Amino acid sequence: MMWRALYLTLCSLALAGIVHIAIILLIPDVGTRDAYGVLSGKIPPLDFKVLEPQEAADLLSDMDPFFTYGVCRFNLSQSGLAMTGPNTASFWSATVVNQDGSVVYSLNNRTSIESRLDLILLNPLQILRLRQVQPPDVENAIIVESDMEAGFVLLRFLKPDQSWDKTASSFFDGVNCRAYEMISAPAEQPVASNEGQ
């Protein structure tokens, strides 16, 4: 009886060791399958992509079937992000998500200026430069400052049924995701003096 108990204990320990080693070996592969990790392999930085329903389901745990999803990946260590979209009366929302999957900022057609997607995302150093340059193209933009290195913007567009396919497609066709380049305001020309004439 004692030998049987010892045998079962040794078998249990061996099985536990095998399971433990298997888990450790799977961590590098399974542990990096977060949303940002998956997107990094599929979407180049500053490239906007409309997600197919299955792709959205793989990335999002709480996917809403009444929305169409698009995503833009960025890296603020390389450049700021400017994301724009067409004016529409339909509901849309944009969510800025960092590498860890935390929501940094969110806006929609009701909180944006004139219901238009016009988002500029910068790190603190780029914000300082923006204040120095004071470019004119930021007047109607939502400017978000974040110290994150990289992340993505998840764009959702309400599509209650298939009759909205054309509207959603037209909206996503007009979305632009690019590096933000600061354009200086034109210098004021000095007024010519009429003295001495």
C-alpha atoms as a PDB file:
ATOM      1  CA  MET A   1       0.000   0.000   0.000  1.00  0.00           C
ATOM      2  CA  MET A   2       2.834   2.357   0.858  1.00  0.00           C
ATOM      3  CA  TRP A   3       4.595   1.681  -2.447  1.00  0.00           C
ATOM      4  CA  ARG A   4       1.383   2.475  -4.319  1.00  0.00           C
ATOM      5  CA  ALA A   5       0.988   5.848  -2.557  1.00  0.00           C
ATOM      6  CA  LEU A   6       4.642   6.660  -3.264  1.00  0.00           C
ATOM      7  CA  TYR A   7       4.189   5.658  -6.925  1.00  0.00           C
ATOM      8  CA  LEU A   8       1.080   7.913  -7.291  1.00  0.00           C
ATOM      9  CA  THR A   9       2.919  10.811  -5.633  1.00  0.00           C
ATOM     10  CA  LEU A  10       5.881  10.476  -8.013  1.00  0.00           C
ATOM     11  CA  CYS A  11       3.566  10.277 -11.057  1.00  0.00           C
ATOM     12  CA  SER A  12       1.693  13.394  -9.890  1.00  0.00           C
ATOM     13  CA  LEU A  13       4.957  15.304  -9.406  1.00  0.00           C
ATOM     14  CA  ALA A  14       6.215  14.231 -12.850  1.00  0.00           C
ATOM     15  CA  LEU A  15       2.932  15.298 -14.483  1.00  0.00           C
ATOM     16  CA  ALA A  16       2.985  18.645 -12.638  1.00  0.00           C
ATOM     17  CA  GLY A  17       6.582  19.188 -13.799  1.00  0.00           C
ATOM     18  CA  ILE A  18       5.656  18.492 -17.442  1.00  0.00           C
ATOM     19  CA  VAL A  19       2.689  20.908 -17.277  1.00  0.00           C
ATOM     20  CA  HIS A  20       4.871  23.567 -15.626  1.00  0.00           C
ATOM     21  CA  ILE A  21       7.591  23.263 -18.299  1.00  0.00           C
ATOM     22  CA  ALA A  22       4.964  23.381 -21.099  1.00  0.00           C
ATOM     23  CA  ILE A  23       3.469  26.593 -19.688  1.00  0.00           C
ATOM     24  CA  ILE A  24       6.893  28.242 -19.431  1.00  0.00           C
ATOM     25  CA  LEU A  25       7.690  27.306 -23.039  1.00  0.00           C
ATOM     26  CA  LEU A  26       4.338  28.687 -24.297  1.00  0.00           C
ATOM     27  CA  ILE A  27       4.633  32.099 -22.555  1.00  0.00           C
ATOM     28  CA  PRO A  28       6.704  33.835 -25.291  1.00  0.00           C
ATOM     29  CA  ASP A  29       4.199  32.811 -27.963  1.00  0.00           C
ATOM     30  CA  VAL A  30       0.881  33.155 -26.131  1.00  0.00           C
ATOM     31  CA  GLY A  31       1.894  36.002 -23.806  1.00  0.00           C
ATOM     32  CA  THR A  32       2.475  38.443 -26.675  1.00  0.00           C
ATOM     33  CA  ARG A  33      -0.924  37.946 -28.297  1.00  0.00           C
ATOM     34  CA  ASP A  34      -2.420  41.167 -26.977  1.00  0.00           C
ATOM     35  CA  ALA A  35      -4.204  43.602 -29.314  1.00  0.00           C
ATOM     36  CA  TYR A  36      -1.109  45.741 -29.936  1.00  0.00           C
ATOM     37  CA  GLY A  37       1.077  42.695 -30.529  1.00  0.00           C
ATOM     38  CA  VAL A  38      -1.373  41.295 -33.077  1.00  0.00           C
ATOM     39  CA  LEU A  39      -1.736  44.677 -34.820  1.00  0.00           C
ATOM     40  CA  SER A  40       2.036  45.164 -34.985  1.00  0.00           C
ATOM     41  CA  GLY A  41       2.339  42.078 -37.125  1.00  0.00           C
ATOM     42  CA  LYS A  42      -0.517  43.004 -39.462  1.00  0.00           C
ATOM     43  CA  ILE A  43      -0.609  46.799 -39.826  1.00  0.00           C
ATOM     44  CA  PRO A  44       2.365  49.074 -40.548  1.00  0.00           C
ATOM     45  CA  PRO A  45       2.584  52.279 -38.471  1.00  0.00           C
ATOM     46  CA  LEU A  46       0.484  55.175 -39.794  1.00  0.00           C
ATOM     47  CA  ASP A  47      -1.579  52.911 -42.021  1.00  0.00           C
ATOM     48  CA  PHE A  48      -5.359  52.936 -41.564  1.00  0.00           C
ATOM     49  CA  LYS A  49      -7.088  49.605 -41.997  1.00  0.00           C
ATOM     50  CA  VAL A  50     -10.765  48.662 -41.831  1.00  0.00           C
ATOM     51  CA  LEU A  51     -11.095  45.453 -39.842  1.00  0.00           C
ATOM     52  CA  GLU A  52     -13.069  42.508 -41.125  1.00  0.00           C
ATOM     53  CA  PRO A  53     -15.626  41.199 -38.575  1.00  0.00           C
ATOM     54  CA  GLN A  54     -13.444  38.194 -37.684  1.00  0.00           C
ATOM     55  CA  GLU A  55     -10.343  40.381 -37.254  1.00  0.00           C
ATOM     56  CA  ALA A  56     -12.286  42.711 -34.959  1.00  0.00           C
ATOM     57  CA  ALA A  57     -13.564  39.740 -32.951  1.00  0.00           C
ATOM     58  CA  ASP A  58     -10.003  38.429 -32.530  1.00  0.00           C
ATOM     59  CA  LEU A  59      -8.772  41.824 -31.272  1.00  0.00           C
ATOM     60  CA  LEU A  60     -11.721  42.963 -29.179  1.00  0.00           C
ATOM     61  CA  SER A  61     -13.312  41.085 -26.337  1.00  0.00           C
ATOM     62  CA  ASP A  62     -16.483  43.197 -26.359  1.00  0.00           C
ATOM     63  CA  MET A  63     -17.076  43.709 -30.075  1.00  0.00           C
ATOM     64  CA  ASP A  64     -20.439  45.279 -30.908  1.00  0.00           C
ATOM     65  CA  PRO A  65     -22.005  43.800 -34.082  1.00  0.00           C
ATOM     66  CA  PHE A  66     -23.700  47.133 -34.850  1.00  0.00           C
ATOM     67  CA  PHE A  67     -20.348  48.842 -35.475  1.00  0.00           C
ATOM     68  CA  THR A  68     -17.732  48.672 -38.207  1.00  0.00           C
ATOM     69  CA  TYR A  69     -14.155  48.996 -36.912  1.00  0.00           C
ATOM     70  CA  GLY A  70     -11.002  50.563 -38.316  1.00  0.00           C
ATOM     71  CA  VAL A  71      -7.579  50.919 -36.732  1.00  0.00           C
ATOM     72  CA  CYS A  72      -4.476  53.087 -37.106  1.00  0.00           C
ATOM     73  CA  ARG A  73      -1.228  52.099 -35.399  1.00  0.00           C
ATOM     74  CA  PHE A  74       1.325  54.764 -34.399  1.00  0.00           C
ATOM     75  CA  ASN A  75       4.686  55.257 -32.722  1.00  0.00           C
ATOM     76  CA  LEU A  76       5.120  58.652 -31.037  1.00  0.00           C
ATOM     77  CA  SER A  77       8.862  58.171 -30.650  1.00  0.00           C
ATOM     78  CA  GLN A  78       9.114  58.570 -34.434  1.00  0.00           C
ATOM     79  CA  SER A  79       6.488  61.266 -35.102  1.00  0.00           C
ATOM     80  CA  GLY A  80       3.194  62.688 -33.927  1.00  0.00           C
ATOM     81  CA  LEU A  81      -0.071  61.341 -35.309  1.00  0.00           C
ATOM     82  CA  ALA A  82      -2.688  63.270 -37.280  1.00  0.00           C
ATOM     83  CA  MET A  83      -5.937  61.430 -37.935  1.00  0.00           C
ATOM     84  CA  THR A  84      -8.737  63.068 -39.901  1.00  0.00           C
ATOM     85  CA  GLY A  85     -12.058  61.951 -41.284  1.00  0.00           C
ATOM     86  CA  PRO A  86     -15.007  63.334 -43.229  1.00  0.00           C
ATOM     87  CA  ASN A  87     -17.880  65.250 -41.676  1.00  0.00           C
ATOM     88  CA  THR A  88     -20.875  63.006 -41.076  1.00  0.00           C
ATOM     89  CA  ALA A  89     -24.154  63.083 -39.166  1.00  0.00           C
ATOM     90  CA  SER A  90     -23.753  59.396 -38.264  1.00  0.00           C
ATOM     91  CA  PHE A  91     -22.274  58.300 -34.950  1.00  0.00           C
ATOM     92  CA  TRP A  92     -18.567  57.477 -34.795  1.00  0.00           C
ATOM     93  CA  SER A  93     -16.075  57.211 -31.955  1.00  0.00           C
ATOM     94  CA  ALA A  94     -12.290  57.121 -31.797  1.00  0.00           C
ATOM     95  CA  THR A  95     -10.392  55.591 -28.877  1.00  0.00           C
ATOM     96  CA  VAL A  96      -6.663  56.056 -28.310  1.00  0.00           C
ATOM     97  CA  VAL A  97      -5.185  52.909 -26.750  1.00  0.00           C
ATOM     98  CA  ASN A  98      -1.598  52.461 -25.526  1.00  0.00           C
ATOM     99  CA  GLN A  99       0.629  49.372 -25.871  1.00  0.00           C
ATOM    100  CA  ASP A 100      -0.689  47.942 -22.605  1.00  0.00           C
ATOM    101  CA  GLY A 101      -4.300  48.081 -23.794  1.00  0.00           C
ATOM    102  CA  SER A 102      -5.305  51.015 -21.561  1.00  0.00           C
ATOM    103  CA  VAL A 103      -7.584  53.699 -22.986  1.00  0.00           C
ATOM    104  CA  VAL A 104      -5.746  57.043 -23.029  1.00  0.00           C
ATOM    105  CA  TYR A 105      -8.381  59.233 -24.694  1.00  0.00           C
ATOM    106  CA  SER A 106     -11.740  58.864 -26.378  1.00  0.00           C
ATOM    107  CA  LEU A 107     -13.873  61.167 -28.512  1.00  0.00           C
ATOM    108  CA  ASN A 108     -16.891  60.899 -30.787  1.00  0.00           C
ATOM    109  CA  ASN A 109     -18.866  62.969 -33.272  1.00  0.00           C
ATOM    110  CA  ARG A 110     -20.660  64.757 -30.414  1.00  0.00           C
ATOM    111  CA  THR A 111     -17.518  65.782 -28.534  1.00  0.00           C
ATOM    112  CA  SER A 112     -15.449  66.710 -31.580  1.00  0.00           C
ATOM    113  CA  ILE A 113     -15.478  70.071 -33.342  1.00  0.00           C
ATOM    114  CA  GLU A 114     -18.185  70.238 -36.039  1.00  0.00           C
ATOM    115  CA  SER A 115     -18.722  66.443 -35.767  1.00  0.00           C
ATOM    116  CA  ARG A 116     -15.474  65.913 -37.701  1.00  0.00           C
ATOM    117  CA  LEU A 117     -12.665  63.528 -36.839  1.00  0.00           C
ATOM    118  CA  ASP A 118      -9.598  65.754 -36.493  1.00  0.00           C
ATOM    119  CA  LEU A 119      -7.227  64.317 -33.901  1.00  0.00           C
ATOM    120  CA  ILE A 120      -3.579  65.185 -33.270  1.00  0.00           C
ATOM    121  CA  LEU A 121      -1.645  62.989 -30.847  1.00  0.00           C
ATOM    122  CA  LEU A 122       1.743  64.168 -29.559  1.00  0.00           C
ATOM    123  CA  ASN A 123       4.237  63.342 -26.829  1.00  0.00           C
ATOM    124  CA  PRO A 124       5.338  66.061 -24.335  1.00  0.00           C
ATOM    125  CA  LEU A 125       8.397  67.054 -26.395  1.00  0.00           C
ATOM    126  CA  GLN A 126       6.312  67.428 -29.553  1.00  0.00           C
ATOM    127  CA  ILE A 127       3.748  69.501 -27.609  1.00  0.00           C
ATOM    128  CA  LEU A 128       6.508  71.944 -26.576  1.00  0.00           C
ATOM    129  CA  ARG A 129       7.486  72.361 -30.211  1.00  0.00           C
ATOM    130  CA  LEU A 130       3.823  72.843 -31.148  1.00  0.00           C
ATOM    131  CA  ARG A 131       3.556  75.711 -28.659  1.00  0.00           C
ATOM    132  CA  GLN A 132       6.648  77.348 -30.139  1.00  0.00           C
ATOM    133  CA  VAL A 133       5.561  76.989 -33.761  1.00  0.00           C
ATOM    134  CA  GLN A 134       1.819  77.651 -33.194  1.00  0.00           C
ATOM    135  CA  PRO A 135       0.758  76.175 -36.551  1.00  0.00           C
ATOM    136  CA  PRO A 136      -2.555  77.362 -37.987  1.00  0.00           C
ATOM    137  CA  ASP A 137      -3.789  73.851 -38.821  1.00  0.00           C
ATOM    138  CA  VAL A 138      -4.491  72.985 -35.164  1.00  0.00           C
ATOM    139  CA  GLU A 139      -7.311  75.487 -34.613  1.00  0.00           C
ATOM    140  CA  ASN A 140     -10.093  72.946 -35.216  1.00  0.00           C
ATOM    141  CA  ALA A 141      -8.223  69.838 -34.060  1.00  0.00           C
ATOM    142  CA  ILE A 142      -8.488  67.904 -30.809  1.00  0.00           C
ATOM    143  CA  ILE A 143      -4.913  67.816 -29.483  1.00  0.00           C
ATOM    144  CA  VAL A 144      -4.014  64.998 -27.106  1.00  0.00           C
ATOM    145  CA  GLU A 145      -0.736  64.886 -25.180  1.00  0.00           C
ATOM    146  CA  SER A 146       0.518  61.515 -23.997  1.00  0.00           C
ATOM    147  CA  ASP A 147       3.850  60.184 -22.780  1.00  0.00           C
ATOM    148  CA  MET A 148       3.211  56.719 -24.236  1.00  0.00           C
ATOM    149  CA  GLU A 149       5.634  55.461 -26.857  1.00  0.00           C
ATOM    150  CA  ALA A 150       3.240  53.591 -29.135  1.00  0.00           C
ATOM    151  CA  GLY A 151      -0.336  52.444 -29.477  1.00  0.00           C
ATOM    152  CA  PHE A 152      -3.288  52.530 -31.830  1.00  0.00           C
ATOM    153  CA  VAL A 153      -6.491  54.450 -32.492  1.00  0.00           C
ATOM    154  CA  LEU A 154      -9.606  52.301 -32.747  1.00  0.00           C
ATOM    155  CA  LEU A 155     -12.282  53.958 -34.875  1.00  0.00           C
ATOM    156  CA  ARG A 156     -15.885  52.731 -34.693  1.00  0.00           C
ATOM    157  CA  PHE A 157     -18.740  53.677 -37.015  1.00  0.00           C
ATOM    158  CA  LEU A 158     -22.377  52.864 -36.220  1.00  0.00           C
ATOM    159  CA  LYS A 159     -23.891  50.528 -38.803  1.00  0.00           C
ATOM    160  CA  PRO A 160     -27.262  49.219 -37.560  1.00  0.00           C
ATOM    161  CA  ASP A 161     -27.896  47.049 -40.643  1.00  0.00           C
ATOM    162  CA  GLN A 162     -26.603  46.273 -44.135  1.00  0.00           C
ATOM    163  CA  SER A 163     -28.294  49.330 -45.645  1.00  0.00           C
ATOM    164  CA  TRP A 164     -25.584  51.386 -43.895  1.00  0.00           C
ATOM    165  CA  ASP A 165     -22.716  49.567 -45.657  1.00  0.00           C
ATOM    166  CA  LYS A 166     -22.251  52.305 -48.273  1.00  0.00           C
ATOM    167  CA  THR A 167     -22.305  55.089 -45.653  1.00  0.00           C
ATOM    168  CA  ALA A 168     -19.755  53.295 -43.459  1.00  0.00           C
ATOM    169  CA  SER A 169     -17.543  52.515 -46.447  1.00  0.00           C
ATOM    170  CA  SER A 170     -17.677  56.150 -47.607  1.00  0.00           C
ATOM    171  CA  PHE A 171     -16.713  57.349 -44.122  1.00  0.00           C
ATOM    172  CA  PHE A 172     -13.753  54.968 -43.794  1.00  0.00           C
ATOM    173  CA  ASP A 173     -12.574  55.819 -47.324  1.00  0.00           C
ATOM    174  CA  GLY A 174     -12.225  59.438 -46.179  1.00  0.00           C
ATOM    175  CA  VAL A 175     -10.184  58.633 -43.058  1.00  0.00           C
ATOM    176  CA  ASN A 176      -6.543  59.683 -43.182  1.00  0.00           C
ATOM    177  CA  CYS A 177      -3.887  58.497 -40.724  1.00  0.00           C
ATOM    178  CA  ARG A 178      -0.478  60.150 -41.154  1.00  0.00           C
ATOM    179  CA  ALA A 179       2.592  61.523 -39.405  1.00  0.00           C
ATOM    180  CA  TYR A 180       1.942  65.015 -38.064  1.00  0.00           C
ATOM    181  CA  GLU A 181       4.278  67.589 -39.540  1.00  0.00           C
ATOM    182  CA  MET A 182       4.151  71.035 -37.956  1.00  0.00           C
ATOM    183  CA  ILE A 183       3.690  73.815 -40.480  1.00  0.00           C
ATOM    184  CA  SER A 184       4.795  77.221 -39.270  1.00  0.00           C
ATOM    185  CA  ALA A 185       2.419  80.121 -39.650  1.00  0.00           C
ATOM    186  CA  PRO A 186       3.523  82.502 -42.423  1.00  0.00           C
ATOM    187  CA  ALA A 187       5.617  85.359 -41.087  1.00  0.00           C
ATOM    188  CA  GLU A 188       3.896  88.726 -41.100  1.00  0.00           C
ATOM    189  CA  GLN A 189       5.273  91.036 -43.766  1.00  0.00           C
ATOM    190  CA  PRO A 190       6.572  94.327 -42.328  1.00  0.00           C
ATOM    191  CA  VAL A 191       4.424  97.288 -43.248  1.00  0.00           C
ATOM    192  CA  ALA A 192       6.328  99.617 -45.541  1.00  0.00           C
ATOM    193  CA  SER A 193       6.905 103.017 -43.985  1.00  0.00           C
ATOM    194  CA  ASN A 194       5.811 106.116 -45.954  1.00  0.00           C
ATOM    195  CA  GLU A 195       8.096 108.417 -44.027  1.00  0.00           C
ATOM    196  CA  GLY A 196      10.327 110.648 -46.094  1.00  0.00           C
ATOM    197  CA  GLN A 197       8.061 110.523 -49.149  1.00  0.00           C
END
